[in-house]
Amino acid sequence: MNPKLIMILSGVLMIIAAGMMVGKGEWTMMAVVLPIWFAILGIWWYRERTRE
């Protein structure tokens, strides 16, 4: 699959998951998952920028 499509799909799923976590008051879970996801997104974005 196209890596950009995968990142867009994971972004949409992460927004949905974050909304569900906020709705249930799972603040500790969100505090763990969001930084990990942002780190993965940052690494992927950096690799995409340096590859070209």
Protein backbone atom coordinates (compact mmCIF):
# COMPACT_ATOMS: atom_id res chain seq x y z
CA MET A 1 0.00 0.00 0.00
CA ASN A 2 0.96 3.64 -0.43
CA PRO A 3 2.73 4.93 2.74
CA LYS A 4 0.89 8.26 2.56
CA LEU A 5 -2.45 6.44 2.48
CA ILE A 6 -1.42 4.40 5.52
CA MET A 7 -0.45 7.53 7.47
CA ILE A 8 -3.73 9.28 6.59
CA LEU A 9 -5.69 6.19 7.64
CA SER A 10 -3.77 5.91 10.92
CA GLY A 11 -4.36 9.62 11.54
CA VAL A 12 -8.11 9.23 11.09
CA LEU A 13 -8.14 6.17 13.36
CA MET A 14 -6.08 8.03 15.97
CA ILE A 15 -8.53 10.94 15.98
CA ILE A 16 -11.43 8.51 16.46
CA ALA A 17 -9.56 6.69 19.25
CA ALA A 18 -8.67 10.00 20.94
CA GLY A 19 -12.34 11.01 20.84
CA MET A 20 -13.36 7.71 22.43
CA MET A 21 -10.67 8.07 25.12
CA VAL A 22 -11.82 11.61 25.96
CA GLY A 23 -15.45 10.43 26.04
CA LYS A 24 -14.63 7.73 28.60
CA GLY A 25 -12.24 9.92 30.60
CA GLU A 26 -9.20 7.75 29.81
CA TRP A 27 -6.72 10.59 30.26
CA THR A 28 -3.79 8.39 31.37
CA MET A 29 -4.20 6.14 28.32
CA MET A 30 -4.32 9.18 26.04
CA ALA A 31 -1.23 10.66 27.73
CA VAL A 32 0.66 7.45 26.88
CA VAL A 33 -0.64 6.78 23.36
CA LEU A 34 -0.57 10.29 21.83
CA PRO A 35 3.15 11.05 22.37
CA ILE A 36 4.08 7.61 20.98
CA TRP A 37 1.92 8.22 17.90
CA PHE A 38 3.34 11.72 17.41
CA ALA A 39 6.89 10.32 17.68
CA ILE A 40 6.13 7.72 15.01
CA LEU A 41 4.52 10.38 12.82
CA GLY A 42 7.55 12.67 13.26
CA ILE A 43 10.02 9.92 12.37
CA TRP A 44 7.99 8.96 9.29
CA TRP A 45 7.69 12.61 8.19
CA TYR A 46 11.43 13.18 8.66
CA ARG A 47 12.26 10.09 6.58
CA GLU A 48 9.87 11.20 3.83
CA ARG A 49 11.49 14.66 3.71
CA THR A 50 15.08 13.36 3.65
CA ARG A 51 14.43 10.61 1.09
CA GLU A 52 13.77 13.08 -1.76
